[in-house]
């Protein structure tokens, strides 16, 4: 028997409507309908909740439905792949942040990369690290980030931006060279974002590295 049929059977045995089950699981009736029509499957956490609700084992819920098991295997593979990419992006971001800090402290002032103009080399590296930082944000897990933490992230971003501007002695003169000011502001913003996510995504990096190992 498929999972969808089992959900209908167990619900009918308790004389519950879809809304009754939804209220007990703290989800929407539409989600219950989706499960009972094989349009989607619950996640592992919700499977445990269903198991407790109907007083049946997880083995009974999963048994015989090979399509559902294959779906969970595919989800696991996708999550493992995303965690691996996230870890690689985070490590690259660490290197990028080290580069930004060394640059701001003046340690790269006399370095020429393979004969390439230093300013051009800095621009290329900054562009690559900026793209990496944006990809890292996309691969981050933001579902459990509450309003308080989001506020703290914004405050961190503002503080780091101010510190970078002080460290690099950056000033803006509106009207005299707007393009230069825009580029300077963009570069400072990307450095600030990279350093901010270095701090706030570290717990996710540790957790996803531990799960993947």
C-alpha atoms as a PDB file:
ATOM      1  CA  UNK A   1       0.000   0.000   0.000  1.00  0.00           C
ATOM      2  CA  UNK A   2       1.291   3.421  -0.931  1.00  0.00           C
ATOM      3  CA  UNK A   3       1.902   6.155   1.618  1.00  0.00           C
ATOM      4  CA  UNK A   4      -0.969   8.253   0.225  1.00  0.00           C
ATOM      5  CA  UNK A   5      -3.412   5.380   0.711  1.00  0.00           C
ATOM      6  CA  UNK A   6      -2.114   4.770   4.224  1.00  0.00           C
ATOM      7  CA  UNK A   7      -2.685   8.412   5.132  1.00  0.00           C
ATOM      8  CA  UNK A   8      -6.303   8.152   3.989  1.00  0.00           C
ATOM      9  CA  UNK A   9      -6.785   4.820   5.761  1.00  0.00           C
ATOM     10  CA  UNK A  10      -5.378   5.966   9.112  1.00  0.00           C
ATOM     11  CA  UNK A  11      -7.382   9.184   8.949  1.00  0.00           C
ATOM     12  CA  UNK A  12     -10.621   7.356   8.230  1.00  0.00           C
ATOM     13  CA  UNK A  13      -9.927   4.894  11.063  1.00  0.00           C
ATOM     14  CA  UNK A  14      -9.918   7.865  13.443  1.00  0.00           C
ATOM     15  CA  UNK A  15     -12.947   9.478  11.751  1.00  0.00           C
ATOM     16  CA  UNK A  16     -10.922  12.634  11.122  1.00  0.00           C
ATOM     17  CA  UNK A  17     -11.229  15.113   8.297  1.00  0.00           C
ATOM     18  CA  UNK A  18      -8.187  16.452   6.498  1.00  0.00           C
ATOM     19  CA  UNK A  19      -8.584  19.656   8.504  1.00  0.00           C
ATOM     20  CA  UNK A  20      -8.585  17.648  11.770  1.00  0.00           C
ATOM     21  CA  UNK A  21      -5.250  16.062  10.848  1.00  0.00           C
ATOM     22  CA  UNK A  22      -3.859  19.392   9.678  1.00  0.00           C
ATOM     23  CA  UNK A  23      -4.768  21.044  12.988  1.00  0.00           C
ATOM     24  CA  UNK A  24      -3.090  18.259  14.965  1.00  0.00           C
ATOM     25  CA  UNK A  25       0.089  18.467  12.883  1.00  0.00           C
ATOM     26  CA  UNK A  26       0.026  22.294  12.801  1.00  0.00           C
ATOM     27  CA  UNK A  27       0.096  22.444   9.005  1.00  0.00           C
ATOM     28  CA  UNK A  28      -2.369  23.403   6.283  1.00  0.00           C
ATOM     29  CA  UNK A  29      -5.206  21.189   5.002  1.00  0.00           C
ATOM     30  CA  UNK A  30      -3.788  21.681   1.511  1.00  0.00           C
ATOM     31  CA  UNK A  31      -0.605  19.896   2.603  1.00  0.00           C
ATOM     32  CA  UNK A  32      -2.592  16.901   3.856  1.00  0.00           C
ATOM     33  CA  UNK A  33      -4.471  16.788   0.557  1.00  0.00           C
ATOM     34  CA  UNK A  34      -1.185  16.887  -1.324  1.00  0.00           C
ATOM     35  CA  UNK A  35       0.132  13.895   0.647  1.00  0.00           C
ATOM     36  CA  UNK A  36      -3.051  11.897   0.156  1.00  0.00           C
ATOM     37  CA  UNK A  37      -2.937  12.500  -3.593  1.00  0.00           C
ATOM     38  CA  UNK A  38       0.784  11.616  -3.947  1.00  0.00           C
ATOM     39  CA  UNK A  39       1.661  15.130  -5.099  1.00  0.00           C
ATOM     40  CA  UNK A  40       4.281  15.503  -2.360  1.00  0.00           C
ATOM     41  CA  UNK A  41       5.756  13.754   0.674  1.00  0.00           C
ATOM     42  CA  UNK A  42       6.383  14.948   4.240  1.00  0.00           C
ATOM     43  CA  UNK A  43       9.922  15.532   5.428  1.00  0.00           C
ATOM     44  CA  UNK A  44      11.559  13.266   8.006  1.00  0.00           C
ATOM     45  CA  UNK A  45      10.548  15.460  10.941  1.00  0.00           C
ATOM     46  CA  UNK A  46       6.902  15.420   9.832  1.00  0.00           C
ATOM     47  CA  UNK A  47       7.022  11.639   9.327  1.00  0.00           C
ATOM     48  CA  UNK A  48       7.884  11.297  13.014  1.00  0.00           C
ATOM     49  CA  UNK A  49       4.938  13.557  13.885  1.00  0.00           C
ATOM     50  CA  UNK A  50       2.604  11.406  11.759  1.00  0.00           C
ATOM     51  CA  UNK A  51       3.988   8.254  13.355  1.00  0.00           C
ATOM     52  CA  UNK A  52       3.245   9.639  16.825  1.00  0.00           C
ATOM     53  CA  UNK A  53      -0.200  10.886  15.800  1.00  0.00           C
ATOM     54  CA  UNK A  54      -1.409   7.530  14.498  1.00  0.00           C
ATOM     55  CA  UNK A  55       0.686   5.407  16.920  1.00  0.00           C
ATOM     56  CA  UNK A  56       2.372   3.459  14.153  1.00  0.00           C
ATOM     57  CA  UNK A  57       6.035   2.837  13.377  1.00  0.00           C
ATOM     58  CA  UNK A  58       8.016   4.651  10.725  1.00  0.00           C
ATOM     59  CA  UNK A  59       8.642   1.270   9.112  1.00  0.00           C
ATOM     60  CA  UNK A  60       4.887   0.799   8.630  1.00  0.00           C
ATOM     61  CA  UNK A  61       4.599   4.246   7.067  1.00  0.00           C
ATOM     62  CA  UNK A  62       7.419   3.717   4.598  1.00  0.00           C
ATOM     63  CA  UNK A  63       7.059   0.033   3.806  1.00  0.00           C
ATOM     64  CA  UNK A  64       5.984  -0.955   0.264  1.00  0.00           C
ATOM     65  CA  UNK A  65       6.049   2.575  -1.171  1.00  0.00           C
ATOM     66  CA  UNK A  66       9.226   2.361  -3.279  1.00  0.00           C
ATOM     67  CA  UNK A  67       8.450   5.619  -5.051  1.00  0.00           C
ATOM     68  CA  UNK A  68       8.450   7.448  -1.723  1.00  0.00           C
ATOM     69  CA  UNK A  69      11.708   5.813  -0.644  1.00  0.00           C
ATOM     70  CA  UNK A  70      13.326   6.742  -3.965  1.00  0.00           C
ATOM     71  CA  UNK A  71      12.121  10.306  -3.436  1.00  0.00           C
ATOM     72  CA  UNK A  72      13.832  10.460  -0.028  1.00  0.00           C
ATOM     73  CA  UNK A  73      17.031   9.022  -1.504  1.00  0.00           C
ATOM     74  CA  UNK A  74      17.014  11.672  -4.221  1.00  0.00           C
ATOM     75  CA  UNK A  75      16.375  14.425  -1.651  1.00  0.00           C
ATOM     76  CA  UNK A  76      19.274  13.124   0.442  1.00  0.00           C
ATOM     77  CA  UNK A  77      21.619  13.150  -2.569  1.00  0.00           C
ATOM     78  CA  UNK A  78      20.558  16.694  -3.492  1.00  0.00           C
ATOM     79  CA  UNK A  79      21.058  17.901   0.103  1.00  0.00           C
ATOM     80  CA  UNK A  80      24.473  16.213   0.327  1.00  0.00           C
ATOM     81  CA  UNK A  81      25.507  17.884  -2.931  1.00  0.00           C
ATOM     82  CA  UNK A  82      24.292  21.288  -1.720  1.00  0.00           C
ATOM     83  CA  UNK A  83      26.147  20.869   1.588  1.00  0.00           C
ATOM     84  CA  UNK A  84      29.356  20.009  -0.260  1.00  0.00           C
ATOM     85  CA  UNK A  85      29.031  23.048  -2.541  1.00  0.00           C
ATOM     86  CA  UNK A  86      28.231  25.251   0.471  1.00  0.00           C
ATOM     87  CA  UNK A  87      31.389  24.058   2.267  1.00  0.00           C
ATOM     88  CA  UNK A  88      33.567  24.760  -0.783  1.00  0.00           C
ATOM     89  CA  UNK A  89      32.044  28.225  -1.221  1.00  0.00           C
ATOM     90  CA  UNK A  90      32.588  28.984   2.476  1.00  0.00           C
ATOM     91  CA  UNK A  91      36.275  28.013   2.330  1.00  0.00           C
ATOM     92  CA  UNK A  92      36.742  30.213  -0.763  1.00  0.00           C
ATOM     93  CA  UNK A  93      35.006  33.039   1.125  1.00  0.00           C
ATOM     94  CA  UNK A  94      37.473  32.609   4.002  1.00  0.00           C
ATOM     95  CA  UNK A  95      40.360  33.020   1.537  1.00  0.00           C
ATOM     96  CA  UNK A  96      38.614  36.028   0.007  1.00  0.00           C
ATOM     97  CA  UNK A  97      38.174  37.689   3.403  1.00  0.00           C
ATOM     98  CA  UNK A  98      41.847  37.100   4.249  1.00  0.00           C
ATOM     99  CA  UNK A  99      42.749  38.741   0.947  1.00  0.00           C
ATOM    100  CA  UNK A 100      40.461  41.724   1.648  1.00  0.00           C
ATOM    101  CA  UNK A 101      41.918  42.236   5.140  1.00  0.00           C
ATOM    102  CA  UNK A 102      45.523  41.982   3.908  1.00  0.00           C
ATOM    103  CA  UNK A 103      44.690  44.419   1.132  1.00  0.00           C
ATOM    104  CA  UNK A 104      43.158  46.916   3.576  1.00  0.00           C
ATOM    105  CA  UNK A 105      46.179  46.609   5.875  1.00  0.00           C
ATOM    106  CA  UNK A 106      48.504  47.346   2.953  1.00  0.00           C
ATOM    107  CA  UNK A 107      50.230  43.955   2.851  1.00  0.00           C
ATOM    108  CA  UNK A 108      49.482  43.500  -0.862  1.00  0.00           C
ATOM    109  CA  UNK A 109      50.657  46.928  -1.939  1.00  0.00           C
ATOM    110  CA  UNK A 110      53.886  45.700  -3.522  1.00  0.00           C
ATOM    111  CA  UNK A 111      52.662  42.353  -4.848  1.00  0.00           C
ATOM    112  CA  UNK A 112      52.294  41.817  -8.602  1.00  0.00           C
ATOM    113  CA  UNK A 113      50.408  38.721  -9.715  1.00  0.00           C
ATOM    114  CA  UNK A 114      52.209  37.048 -12.653  1.00  0.00           C
ATOM    115  CA  UNK A 115      53.069  40.417 -14.120  1.00  0.00           C
ATOM    116  CA  UNK A 116      49.419  41.517 -14.209  1.00  0.00           C
ATOM    117  CA  UNK A 117      48.695  45.086 -13.269  1.00  0.00           C
ATOM    118  CA  UNK A 118      48.001  45.080  -9.521  1.00  0.00           C
ATOM    119  CA  UNK A 119      44.860  47.207  -9.795  1.00  0.00           C
ATOM    120  CA  UNK A 120      43.481  44.969 -12.542  1.00  0.00           C
ATOM    121  CA  UNK A 121      44.382  41.838 -10.581  1.00  0.00           C
ATOM    122  CA  UNK A 122      42.646  43.194  -7.485  1.00  0.00           C
ATOM    123  CA  UNK A 123      39.550  43.967  -9.544  1.00  0.00           C
ATOM    124  CA  UNK A 124      39.389  40.474 -11.028  1.00  0.00           C
ATOM    125  CA  UNK A 125      39.903  38.765  -7.660  1.00  0.00           C
ATOM    126  CA  UNK A 126      37.371  41.011  -5.965  1.00  0.00           C
ATOM    127  CA  UNK A 127      34.849  40.228  -8.701  1.00  0.00           C
ATOM    128  CA  UNK A 128      35.370  36.484  -8.326  1.00  0.00           C
ATOM    129  CA  UNK A 129      35.169  36.610  -4.536  1.00  0.00           C
ATOM    130  CA  UNK A 130      32.022  38.765  -4.784  1.00  0.00           C
ATOM    131  CA  UNK A 131      30.301  36.197  -7.020  1.00  0.00           C
ATOM    132  CA  UNK A 132      31.362  33.484  -4.588  1.00  0.00           C
ATOM    133  CA  UNK A 133      29.875  35.424  -1.653  1.00  0.00           C
ATOM    134  CA  UNK A 134      26.549  35.835  -3.460  1.00  0.00           C
ATOM    135  CA  UNK A 135      26.445  32.109  -4.298  1.00  0.00           C
ATOM    136  CA  UNK A 136      27.200  31.330  -0.650  1.00  0.00           C
ATOM    137  CA  UNK A 137      24.187  33.397   0.407  1.00  0.00           C
ATOM    138  CA  UNK A 138      21.991  31.451  -2.040  1.00  0.00           C
ATOM    139  CA  UNK A 139      23.187  28.105  -0.661  1.00  0.00           C
ATOM    140  CA  UNK A 140      22.725  29.185   2.951  1.00  0.00           C
ATOM    141  CA  UNK A 141      19.839  27.867   5.030  1.00  0.00           C
ATOM    142  CA  UNK A 142      17.792  30.911   6.068  1.00  0.00           C
ATOM    143  CA  UNK A 143      14.549  29.154   7.067  1.00  0.00           C
ATOM    144  CA  UNK A 144      15.290  29.173  10.804  1.00  0.00           C
ATOM    145  CA  UNK A 145      16.761  32.673  10.903  1.00  0.00           C
ATOM    146  CA  UNK A 146      14.409  34.802  12.990  1.00  0.00           C
ATOM    147  CA  UNK A 147      13.907  38.572  12.930  1.00  0.00           C
ATOM    148  CA  UNK A 148      16.306  39.162  15.842  1.00  0.00           C
ATOM    149  CA  UNK A 149      19.173  37.386  14.110  1.00  0.00           C
ATOM    150  CA  UNK A 150      18.414  39.163  10.822  1.00  0.00           C
ATOM    151  CA  UNK A 151      18.636  42.490  12.674  1.00  0.00           C
ATOM    152  CA  UNK A 152      21.962  41.467  14.214  1.00  0.00           C
ATOM    153  CA  UNK A 153      23.274  40.486  10.760  1.00  0.00           C
ATOM    154  CA  UNK A 154      22.349  43.928   9.394  1.00  0.00           C
ATOM    155  CA  UNK A 155      24.030  45.648  12.361  1.00  0.00           C
ATOM    156  CA  UNK A 156      27.155  43.531  11.788  1.00  0.00           C
ATOM    157  CA  UNK A 157      27.155  44.516   8.114  1.00  0.00           C
ATOM    158  CA  UNK A 158      26.892  48.231   8.959  1.00  0.00           C
ATOM    159  CA  UNK A 159      29.656  48.063  11.590  1.00  0.00           C
ATOM    160  CA  UNK A 160      32.038  46.189   9.276  1.00  0.00           C
ATOM    161  CA  UNK A 161      31.307  48.661   6.447  1.00  0.00           C
ATOM    162  CA  UNK A 162      32.193  51.611   8.690  1.00  0.00           C
ATOM    163  CA  UNK A 163      35.374  49.891   9.892  1.00  0.00           C
ATOM    164  CA  UNK A 164      36.457  49.122   6.324  1.00  0.00           C
ATOM    165  CA  UNK A 165      35.851  52.707   5.251  1.00  0.00           C
ATOM    166  CA  UNK A 166      37.973  53.918   8.170  1.00  0.00           C
ATOM    167  CA  UNK A 167      40.682  51.334   7.509  1.00  0.00           C
ATOM    168  CA  UNK A 168      40.880  52.135   3.789  1.00  0.00           C
ATOM    169  CA  UNK A 169      40.458  55.896   4.413  1.00  0.00           C
ATOM    170  CA  UNK A 170      37.501  55.951   1.992  1.00  0.00           C
ATOM    171  CA  UNK A 171      35.516  59.151   1.534  1.00  0.00           C
ATOM    172  CA  UNK A 172      32.758  60.024  -0.923  1.00  0.00           C
ATOM    173  CA  UNK A 173      32.373  63.379  -2.646  1.00  0.00           C
ATOM    174  CA  UNK A 174      28.971  63.400  -4.332  1.00  0.00           C
ATOM    175  CA  UNK A 175      28.946  65.136  -7.706  1.00  0.00           C
ATOM    176  CA  UNK A 176      32.685  65.291  -8.381  1.00  0.00           C
ATOM    177  CA  UNK A 177      33.119  61.711  -9.627  1.00  0.00           C
ATOM    178  CA  UNK A 178      29.915  59.741  -9.214  1.00  0.00           C
ATOM    179  CA  UNK A 179      31.108  56.690 -11.183  1.00  0.00           C
ATOM    180  CA  UNK A 180      34.241  56.343  -9.053  1.00  0.00           C
ATOM    181  CA  UNK A 181      32.187  56.744  -5.870  1.00  0.00           C
ATOM    182  CA  UNK A 182      29.718  54.115  -7.068  1.00  0.00           C
ATOM    183  CA  UNK A 183      32.489  51.605  -7.826  1.00  0.00           C
ATOM    184  CA  UNK A 184      34.187  52.323  -4.493  1.00  0.00           C
ATOM    185  CA  UNK A 185      30.893  51.907  -2.637  1.00  0.00           C
ATOM    186  CA  UNK A 186      30.183  48.643  -4.446  1.00  0.00           C
ATOM    187  CA  UNK A 187      33.617  47.236  -3.597  1.00  0.00           C
ATOM    188  CA  UNK A 188      33.280  48.188   0.062  1.00  0.00           C
ATOM    189  CA  UNK A 189      29.786  46.663   0.171  1.00  0.00           C
ATOM    190  CA  UNK A 190      30.977  43.349  -1.291  1.00  0.00           C
ATOM    191  CA  UNK A 191      33.873  43.177   1.162  1.00  0.00           C
ATOM    192  CA  UNK A 192      31.459  43.880   4.033  1.00  0.00           C
ATOM    193  CA  UNK A 193      29.025  41.203   2.840  1.00  0.00           C
ATOM    194  CA  UNK A 194      31.833  38.634   2.541  1.00  0.00           C
ATOM    195  CA  UNK A 195      33.072  39.358   6.073  1.00  0.00           C
ATOM    196  CA  UNK A 196      29.538  39.369   7.510  1.00  0.00           C
ATOM    197  CA  UNK A 197      28.588  35.986   6.059  1.00  0.00           C
ATOM    198  CA  UNK A 198      31.982  34.654   7.170  1.00  0.00           C
ATOM    199  CA  UNK A 199      30.827  35.313  10.736  1.00  0.00           C
ATOM    200  CA  UNK A 200      27.145  34.397  10.537  1.00  0.00           C
ATOM    201  CA  UNK A 201      27.370  31.330   8.302  1.00  0.00           C
ATOM    202  CA  UNK A 202      30.137  29.711  10.333  1.00  0.00           C
ATOM    203  CA  UNK A 203      27.667  27.677  12.506  1.00  0.00           C
ATOM    204  CA  UNK A 204      26.023  26.363   9.317  1.00  0.00           C
ATOM    205  CA  UNK A 205      29.452  25.498   7.902  1.00  0.00           C
ATOM    206  CA  UNK A 206      30.374  23.502  11.020  1.00  0.00           C
ATOM    207  CA  UNK A 207      27.010  21.732  11.103  1.00  0.00           C
ATOM    208  CA  UNK A 208      26.931  20.822   7.411  1.00  0.00           C
ATOM    209  CA  UNK A 209      30.576  19.735   7.477  1.00  0.00           C
ATOM    210  CA  UNK A 210      29.840  17.461  10.465  1.00  0.00           C
ATOM    211  CA  UNK A 211      26.813  15.911   8.763  1.00  0.00           C
ATOM    212  CA  UNK A 212      28.687  15.410   5.501  1.00  0.00           C
ATOM    213  CA  UNK A 213      31.710  13.773   7.130  1.00  0.00           C
END
